[in-house]
Amino acid sequence: MWRRHRRSDQEFSHESQAHIALETDRLVAEGMNPEEARARALRAFGNVLRAQESFYESRRVIWLDDLQRDVRHALRYE
């Protein structure tokens, strides 16, 4: 009931591709050829892989990962 829906990596990938497709379609409607339109849409969107990495990193609780690493390190040298 109170849980927020968290987007999955796959959902984010679909949204990214949909955004690029919409921009491509808009550019084609303006008279650009499809290959050129797709290339321009990809440039406008930016680095797709970097966007996916940023999305993944934003979902993680980074401080918890750091704490787990520190605890493992401390237990190893006890």
PDB file of N, CA and C in Angstrom:
ATOM      1  N   MET A   1       0.822  -1.189   0.000  1.00  0.00           N
ATOM      2  CA  MET A   1       0.000   0.000   0.000  1.00  0.00           C
ATOM      3  C   MET A   1       0.861   1.245   0.000  1.00  0.00           C
ATOM      4  N   TRP A   2       1.886   1.299   0.866  1.00  0.00           N
ATOM      5  CA  TRP A   2       2.712   2.494   0.971  1.00  0.00           C
ATOM      6  C   TRP A   2       3.991   2.390   0.144  1.00  0.00           C
ATOM      7  N   ARG A   3       4.201   1.251  -0.474  1.00  0.00           N
ATOM      8  CA  ARG A   3       5.425   1.077  -1.257  1.00  0.00           C
ATOM      9  C   ARG A   3       5.359   1.883  -2.534  1.00  0.00           C
ATOM     10  N   ARG A   4       6.447   2.549  -2.815  1.00  0.00           N
ATOM     11  CA  ARG A   4       6.551   3.269  -4.079  1.00  0.00           C
ATOM     12  C   ARG A   4       7.022   2.303  -5.151  1.00  0.00           C
ATOM     13  N   HIS A   5       6.502   2.474  -6.330  1.00  0.00           N
ATOM     14  CA  HIS A   5       6.949   1.645  -7.446  1.00  0.00           C
ATOM     15  C   HIS A   5       8.320   2.146  -7.891  1.00  0.00           C
ATOM     16  N   ARG A   6       9.272   1.244  -7.899  1.00  0.00           N
ATOM     17  CA  ARG A   6      10.609   1.598  -8.358  1.00  0.00           C
ATOM     18  C   ARG A   6      10.787   1.056  -9.764  1.00  0.00           C
ATOM     19  N   ARG A   7      11.218   1.932 -10.645  1.00  0.00           N
ATOM     20  CA  ARG A   7      11.427   1.511 -12.021  1.00  0.00           C
ATOM     21  C   ARG A   7      12.573   0.517 -12.097  1.00  0.00           C
ATOM     22  N   SER A   8      12.402  -0.478 -12.928  1.00  0.00           N
ATOM     23  CA  SER A   8      13.468  -1.454 -13.130  1.00  0.00           C
ATOM     24  C   SER A   8      14.406  -0.939 -14.215  1.00  0.00           C
ATOM     25  N   ASP A   9      15.542  -1.594 -14.333  1.00  0.00           N
ATOM     26  CA  ASP A   9      16.488  -1.247 -15.384  1.00  0.00           C
ATOM     27  C   ASP A   9      15.842  -1.398 -16.757  1.00  0.00           C
ATOM     28  N   GLN A  10      15.037  -2.447 -16.894  1.00  0.00           N
ATOM     29  CA  GLN A  10      14.377  -2.693 -18.175  1.00  0.00           C
ATOM     30  C   GLN A  10      13.377  -1.581 -18.494  1.00  0.00           C
ATOM     31  N   GLU A  11      12.628  -1.137 -17.495  1.00  0.00           N
ATOM     32  CA  GLU A  11      11.681  -0.039 -17.715  1.00  0.00           C
ATOM     33  C   GLU A  11      12.414   1.228 -18.121  1.00  0.00           C
ATOM     34  N   PHE A  12      13.526   1.498 -17.465  1.00  0.00           N
ATOM     35  CA  PHE A  12      14.305   2.690 -17.806  1.00  0.00           C
ATOM     36  C   PHE A  12      14.834   2.589 -19.232  1.00  0.00           C
ATOM     37  N   SER A  13      15.293   1.404 -19.620  1.00  0.00           N
ATOM     38  CA  SER A  13      15.793   1.197 -20.978  1.00  0.00           C
ATOM     39  C   SER A  13      14.689   1.428 -22.004  1.00  0.00           C
ATOM     40  N   HIS A  14      13.485   0.916 -21.720  1.00  0.00           N
ATOM     41  CA  HIS A  14      12.349   1.117 -22.627  1.00  0.00           C
ATOM     42  C   HIS A  14      11.999   2.601 -22.731  1.00  0.00           C
ATOM     43  N   GLU A  15      12.031   3.309 -21.616  1.00  0.00           N
ATOM     44  CA  GLU A  15      11.730   4.745 -21.636  1.00  0.00           C
ATOM     45  C   GLU A  15      12.763   5.511 -22.450  1.00  0.00           C
ATOM     46  N   SER A  16      14.018   5.148 -22.290  1.00  0.00           N
ATOM     47  CA  SER A  16      15.082   5.805 -23.052  1.00  0.00           C
ATOM     48  C   SER A  16      14.892   5.587 -24.544  1.00  0.00           C
ATOM     49  N   GLN A  17      14.634   4.330 -24.922  1.00  0.00           N
ATOM     50  CA  GLN A  17      14.440   4.019 -26.337  1.00  0.00           C
ATOM     51  C   GLN A  17      13.192   4.709 -26.890  1.00  0.00           C
ATOM     52  N   ALA A  18      12.141   4.799 -26.084  1.00  0.00           N
ATOM     53  CA  ALA A  18      10.923   5.484 -26.520  1.00  0.00           C
ATOM     54  C   ALA A  18      11.188   6.966 -26.747  1.00  0.00           C
ATOM     55  N   HIS A  19      11.958   7.569 -25.866  1.00  0.00           N
ATOM     56  CA  HIS A  19      12.307   8.984 -26.017  1.00  0.00           C
ATOM     57  C   HIS A  19      13.067   9.209 -27.320  1.00  0.00           C
ATOM     58  N   ILE A  20      14.044   8.350 -27.583  1.00  0.00           N
ATOM     59  CA  ILE A  20      14.840   8.463 -28.807  1.00  0.00           C
ATOM     60  C   ILE A  20      13.959   8.243 -30.035  1.00  0.00           C
ATOM     61  N   ALA A  21      13.051   7.271 -29.966  1.00  0.00           N
ATOM     62  CA  ALA A  21      12.148   6.992 -31.088  1.00  0.00           C
ATOM     63  C   ALA A  21      11.217   8.174 -31.360  1.00  0.00           C
ATOM     64  N   LEU A  22      10.695   8.784 -30.311  1.00  0.00           N
ATOM     65  CA  LEU A  22       9.811   9.949 -30.497  1.00  0.00           C
ATOM     66  C   LEU A  22      10.557  11.111 -31.145  1.00  0.00           C
ATOM     67  N   GLU A  23      11.776  11.340 -30.693  1.00  0.00           N
ATOM     68  CA  GLU A  23      12.574  12.424 -31.283  1.00  0.00           C
ATOM     69  C   GLU A  23      12.910  12.107 -32.736  1.00  0.00           C
ATOM     70  N   THR A  24      13.217  10.848 -33.020  1.00  0.00           N
ATOM     71  CA  THR A  24      13.493  10.429 -34.397  1.00  0.00           C
ATOM     72  C   THR A  24      12.265  10.665 -35.274  1.00  0.00           C
ATOM     73  N   ASP A  25      11.102  10.254 -34.794  1.00  0.00           N
ATOM     74  CA  ASP A  25       9.862  10.447 -35.556  1.00  0.00           C
ATOM     75  C   ASP A  25       9.584  11.925 -35.806  1.00  0.00           C
ATOM     76  N   ARG A  26       9.838  12.754 -34.808  1.00  0.00           N
ATOM     77  CA  ARG A  26       9.618  14.197 -34.967  1.00  0.00           C
ATOM     78  C   ARG A  26      10.523  14.763 -36.049  1.00  0.00           C
ATOM     79  N   LEU A  27      11.782  14.345 -36.039  1.00  0.00           N
ATOM     80  CA  LEU A  27      12.731  14.844 -37.029  1.00  0.00           C
ATOM     81  C   LEU A  27      12.397  14.332 -38.433  1.00  0.00           C
ATOM     82  N   VAL A  28      11.940  13.097 -38.542  1.00  0.00           N
ATOM     83  CA  VAL A  28      11.527  12.554 -39.840  1.00  0.00           C
ATOM     84  C   VAL A  28      10.314  13.335 -40.357  1.00  0.00           C
ATOM     85  N   ALA A  29       9.387  13.662 -39.462  1.00  0.00           N
ATOM     86  CA  ALA A  29       8.200  14.439 -39.857  1.00  0.00           C
ATOM     87  C   ALA A  29       8.587  15.828 -40.359  1.00  0.00           C
ATOM     88  N   GLU A  30       9.716  16.330 -39.878  1.00  0.00           N
ATOM     89  CA  GLU A  30      10.199  17.637 -40.340  1.00  0.00           C
ATOM     90  C   GLU A  30      10.959  17.536 -41.657  1.00  0.00           C
ATOM     91  N   GLY A  31      11.123  16.298 -42.179  1.00  0.00           N
ATOM     92  CA  GLY A  31      11.735  16.136 -43.486  1.00  0.00           C
ATOM     93  C   GLY A  31      13.120  15.517 -43.490  1.00  0.00           C
ATOM     94  N   MET A  32      13.642  15.155 -42.354  1.00  0.00           N
ATOM     95  CA  MET A  32      14.973  14.559 -42.293  1.00  0.00           C
ATOM     96  C   MET A  32      14.876  13.074 -42.642  1.00  0.00           C
ATOM     97  N   ASN A  33      15.930  12.535 -43.271  1.00  0.00           N
ATOM     98  CA  ASN A  33      15.869  11.101 -43.581  1.00  0.00           C
ATOM     99  C   ASN A  33      16.029  10.309 -42.278  1.00  0.00           C
ATOM    100  N   PRO A  34      15.477   9.092 -42.228  1.00  0.00           N
ATOM    101  CA  PRO A  34      15.422   8.329 -40.973  1.00  0.00           C
ATOM    102  C   PRO A  34      16.779   8.061 -40.320  1.00  0.00           C
ATOM    103  N   GLU A  35      17.802   7.737 -41.107  1.00  0.00           N
ATOM    104  CA  GLU A  35      19.115   7.455 -40.519  1.00  0.00           C
ATOM    105  C   GLU A  35      19.703   8.703 -39.857  1.00  0.00           C
ATOM    106  N   GLU A  36      19.610   9.801 -40.567  1.00  0.00           N
ATOM    107  CA  GLU A  36      20.119  11.065 -40.034  1.00  0.00           C
ATOM    108  C   GLU A  36      19.314  11.499 -38.801  1.00  0.00           C
ATOM    109  N   ALA A  37      18.012  11.292 -38.850  1.00  0.00           N
ATOM    110  CA  ALA A  37      17.142  11.658 -37.734  1.00  0.00           C
ATOM    111  C   ALA A  37      17.493  10.846 -36.495  1.00  0.00           C
ATOM    112  N   ARG A  38      17.710   9.550 -36.660  1.00  0.00           N
ATOM    113  CA  ARG A  38      18.071   8.703 -35.516  1.00  0.00           C
ATOM    114  C   ARG A  38      19.418   9.124 -34.936  1.00  0.00           C
ATOM    115  N   ALA A  39      20.382   9.398 -35.806  1.00  0.00           N
ATOM    116  CA  ALA A  39      21.700   9.826 -35.334  1.00  0.00           C
ATOM    117  C   ALA A  39      21.591  11.136 -34.548  1.00  0.00           C
ATOM    118  N   ARG A  40      20.786  12.065 -35.031  1.00  0.00           N
ATOM    119  CA  ARG A  40      20.626  13.338 -34.328  1.00  0.00           C
ATOM    120  C   ARG A  40      19.886  13.145 -33.003  1.00  0.00           C
ATOM    121  N   ALA A  41      18.881  12.263 -32.991  1.00  0.00           N
ATOM    122  CA  ALA A  41      18.140  11.986 -31.756  1.00  0.00           C
ATOM    123  C   ALA A  41      19.066  11.371 -30.713  1.00  0.00           C
ATOM    124  N   LEU A  42      19.929  10.453 -31.139  1.00  0.00           N
ATOM    125  CA  LEU A  42      20.885   9.844 -30.202  1.00  0.00           C
ATOM    126  C   LEU A  42      21.863  10.883 -29.658  1.00  0.00           C
ATOM    127  N   ARG A  43      22.331  11.773 -30.513  1.00  0.00           N
ATOM    128  CA  ARG A  43      23.239  12.832 -30.034  1.00  0.00           C
ATOM    129  C   ARG A  43      22.533  13.750 -29.045  1.00  0.00           C
ATOM    130  N   ALA A  44      21.280  14.070 -29.339  1.00  0.00           N
ATOM    131  CA  ALA A  44      20.515  14.952 -28.447  1.00  0.00           C
ATOM    132  C   ALA A  44      20.276  14.286 -27.093  1.00  0.00           C
ATOM    133  N   PHE A  45      20.020  12.975 -27.104  1.00  0.00           N
ATOM    134  CA  PHE A  45      19.772  12.263 -25.846  1.00  0.00           C
ATOM    135  C   PHE A  45      21.045  12.170 -25.022  1.00  0.00           C
ATOM    136  N   GLY A  46      22.154  11.974 -25.687  1.00  0.00           N
ATOM    137  CA  GLY A  46      23.425  11.826 -24.973  1.00  0.00           C
ATOM    138  C   GLY A  46      23.813  10.368 -24.879  1.00  0.00           C
ATOM    139  N   ASN A  47      24.768  10.099 -24.046  1.00  0.00           N
ATOM    140  CA  ASN A  47      25.310   8.760 -23.892  1.00  0.00           C
ATOM    141  C   ASN A  47      24.285   7.874 -23.173  1.00  0.00           C
ATOM    142  N   VAL A  48      23.706   6.939 -23.910  1.00  0.00           N
ATOM    143  CA  VAL A  48      22.656   6.069 -23.369  1.00  0.00           C
ATOM    144  C   VAL A  48      23.198   5.211 -22.224  1.00  0.00           C
ATOM    145  N   LEU A  49      24.377   4.645 -22.410  1.00  0.00           N
ATOM    146  CA  LEU A  49      24.966   3.799 -21.372  1.00  0.00           C
ATOM    147  C   LEU A  49      25.218   4.603 -20.098  1.00  0.00           C
ATOM    148  N   ARG A  50      25.712   5.822 -20.229  1.00  0.00           N
ATOM    149  CA  ARG A  50      25.952   6.660 -19.046  1.00  0.00           C
ATOM    150  C   ARG A  50      24.642   6.984 -18.328  1.00  0.00           C
ATOM    151  N   ALA A  51      23.589   7.218 -19.095  1.00  0.00           N
ATOM    152  CA  ALA A  51      22.280   7.484 -18.483  1.00  0.00           C
ATOM    153  C   ALA A  51      21.804   6.263 -17.701  1.00  0.00           C
ATOM    154  N   GLN A  52      22.021   5.069 -18.253  1.00  0.00           N
ATOM    155  CA  GLN A  52      21.622   3.844 -17.558  1.00  0.00           C
ATOM    156  C   GLN A  52      22.456   3.648 -16.292  1.00  0.00           C
ATOM    157  N   GLU A  53      23.757   3.952 -16.363  1.00  0.00           N
ATOM    158  CA  GLU A  53      24.609   3.833 -15.180  1.00  0.00           C
ATOM    159  C   GLU A  53      24.166   4.810 -14.096  1.00  0.00           C
ATOM    160  N   SER A  54      23.847   6.030 -14.490  1.00  0.00           N
ATOM    161  CA  SER A  54      23.384   7.031 -13.522  1.00  0.00           C
ATOM    162  C   SER A  54      22.093   6.587 -12.865  1.00  0.00           C
ATOM    163  N   PHE A  55      21.188   6.015 -13.657  1.00  0.00           N
ATOM    164  CA  PHE A  55      19.930   5.514 -13.112  1.00  0.00           C
ATOM    165  C   PHE A  55      20.199   4.416 -12.091  1.00  0.00           C
ATOM    166  N   TYR A  56      21.083   3.477 -12.445  1.00  0.00           N
ATOM    167  CA  TYR A  56      21.407   2.379 -11.539  1.00  0.00           C
ATOM    168  C   TYR A  56      21.996   2.917 -10.239  1.00  0.00           C
ATOM    169  N   GLU A  57      22.942   3.847 -10.362  1.00  0.00           N
ATOM    170  CA  GLU A  57      23.589   4.409  -9.176  1.00  0.00           C
ATOM    171  C   GLU A  57      22.611   5.177  -8.307  1.00  0.00           C
ATOM    172  N   SER A  58      21.635   5.826  -8.915  1.00  0.00           N
ATOM    173  CA  SER A  58      20.671   6.614  -8.140  1.00  0.00           C
ATOM    174  C   SER A  58      19.756   5.724  -7.314  1.00  0.00           C
ATOM    175  N   ARG A  59      19.597   4.467  -7.710  1.00  0.00           N
ATOM    176  CA  ARG A  59      18.722   3.553  -6.978  1.00  0.00           C
ATOM    177  C   ARG A  59      19.418   2.916  -5.789  1.00  0.00           C
ATOM    178  N   ARG A  60      20.712   2.890  -5.802  1.00  0.00           N
ATOM    179  CA  ARG A  60      21.454   2.235  -4.737  1.00  0.00           C
ATOM    180  C   ARG A  60      21.549   3.139  -3.516  1.00  0.00           C
ATOM    181  N   VAL A  61      21.658   2.519  -2.400  1.00  0.00           N
ATOM    182  CA  VAL A  61      21.925   3.253  -1.172  1.00  0.00           C
ATOM    183  C   VAL A  61      23.433   3.181  -0.990  1.00  0.00           C
ATOM    184  N   ILE A  62      24.110   4.199  -1.479  1.00  0.00           N
ATOM    185  CA  ILE A  62      25.567   4.160  -1.560  1.00  0.00           C
ATOM    186  C   ILE A  62      26.200   4.036  -0.178  1.00  0.00           C
ATOM    187  N   TRP A  63      25.665   4.729   0.799  1.00  0.00           N
ATOM    188  CA  TRP A  63      26.287   4.671   2.121  1.00  0.00           C
ATOM    189  C   TRP A  63      26.210   3.256   2.697  1.00  0.00           C
ATOM    190  N   LEU A  64      25.144   2.533   2.345  1.00  0.00           N
ATOM    191  CA  LEU A  64      25.014   1.164   2.827  1.00  0.00           C
ATOM    192  C   LEU A  64      26.059   0.271   2.169  1.00  0.00           C
ATOM    193  N   ASP A  65      26.299   0.477   0.899  1.00  0.00           N
ATOM    194  CA  ASP A  65      27.357  -0.276   0.217  1.00  0.00           C
ATOM    195  C   ASP A  65      28.718   0.006   0.849  1.00  0.00           C
ATOM    196  N   ASP A  66      28.977   1.278   1.166  1.00  0.00           N
ATOM    197  CA  ASP A  66      30.250   1.636   1.808  1.00  0.00           C
ATOM    198  C   ASP A  66      30.374   0.980   3.179  1.00  0.00           C
ATOM    199  N   LEU A  67      29.293   0.988   3.937  1.00  0.00           N
ATOM    200  CA  LEU A  67      29.302   0.374   5.261  1.00  0.00           C
ATOM    201  C   LEU A  67      29.579  -1.127   5.163  1.00  0.00           C
ATOM    202  N   GLN A  68      28.915  -1.800   4.237  1.00  0.00           N
ATOM    203  CA  GLN A  68      29.145  -3.236   4.060  1.00  0.00           C
ATOM    204  C   GLN A  68      30.607  -3.512   3.708  1.00  0.00           C
ATOM    205  N   ARG A  69      31.166  -2.710   2.826  1.00  0.00           N
ATOM    206  CA  ARG A  69      32.565  -2.893   2.448  1.00  0.00           C
ATOM    207  C   ARG A  69      33.483  -2.671   3.639  1.00  0.00           C
ATOM    208  N   ASP A  70      33.205  -1.644   4.438  1.00  0.00           N
ATOM    209  CA  ASP A  70      34.028  -1.349   5.611  1.00  0.00           C
ATOM    210  C   ASP A  70      33.941  -2.472   6.650  1.00  0.00           C
ATOM    211  N   VAL A  71      32.748  -3.001   6.863  1.00  0.00           N
ATOM    212  CA  VAL A  71      32.577  -4.089   7.836  1.00  0.00           C
ATOM    213  C   VAL A  71      33.322  -5.330   7.361  1.00  0.00           C
ATOM    214  N   ARG A  72      33.192  -5.667   6.093  1.00  0.00           N
ATOM    215  CA  ARG A  72      33.930  -6.823   5.570  1.00  0.00           C
ATOM    216  C   ARG A  72      35.430  -6.631   5.735  1.00  0.00           C
ATOM    217  N   HIS A  73      35.896  -5.444   5.467  1.00  0.00           N
ATOM    218  CA  HIS A  73      37.318  -5.142   5.597  1.00  0.00           C
ATOM    219  C   HIS A  73      37.762  -5.259   7.061  1.00  0.00           C
ATOM    220  N   ALA A  74      36.963  -4.721   7.973  1.00  0.00           N
ATOM    221  CA  ALA A  74      37.304  -4.762   9.394  1.00  0.00           C
ATOM    222  C   ALA A  74      37.318  -6.204   9.914  1.00  0.00           C
ATOM    223  N   LEU A  75      36.349  -7.005   9.498  1.00  0.00           N
ATOM    224  CA  LEU A  75      36.292  -8.386   9.950  1.00  0.00           C
ATOM    225  C   LEU A  75      37.452  -9.212   9.389  1.00  0.00           C
ATOM    226  N   ARG A  76      37.929  -8.852   8.249  1.00  0.00           N
ATOM    227  CA  ARG A  76      39.035  -9.578   7.646  1.00  0.00           C
ATOM    228  C   ARG A  76      40.332  -9.370   8.434  1.00  0.00           C
ATOM    229  N   TYR A  77      40.486  -8.205   9.031  1.00  0.00           N
ATOM    230  CA  TYR A  77      41.734  -7.870   9.738  1.00  0.00           C
ATOM    231  C   TYR A  77      41.600  -7.901  11.250  1.00  0.00           C
ATOM    232  N   GLU A  78      40.587  -8.514  11.744  1.00  0.00           N
ATOM    233  CA  GLU A  78      40.366  -8.594  13.195  1.00  0.00           C
ATOM    234  C   GLU A  78      41.272  -9.577  13.854  1.00  0.00           C
TER     235      GLU A  78
END
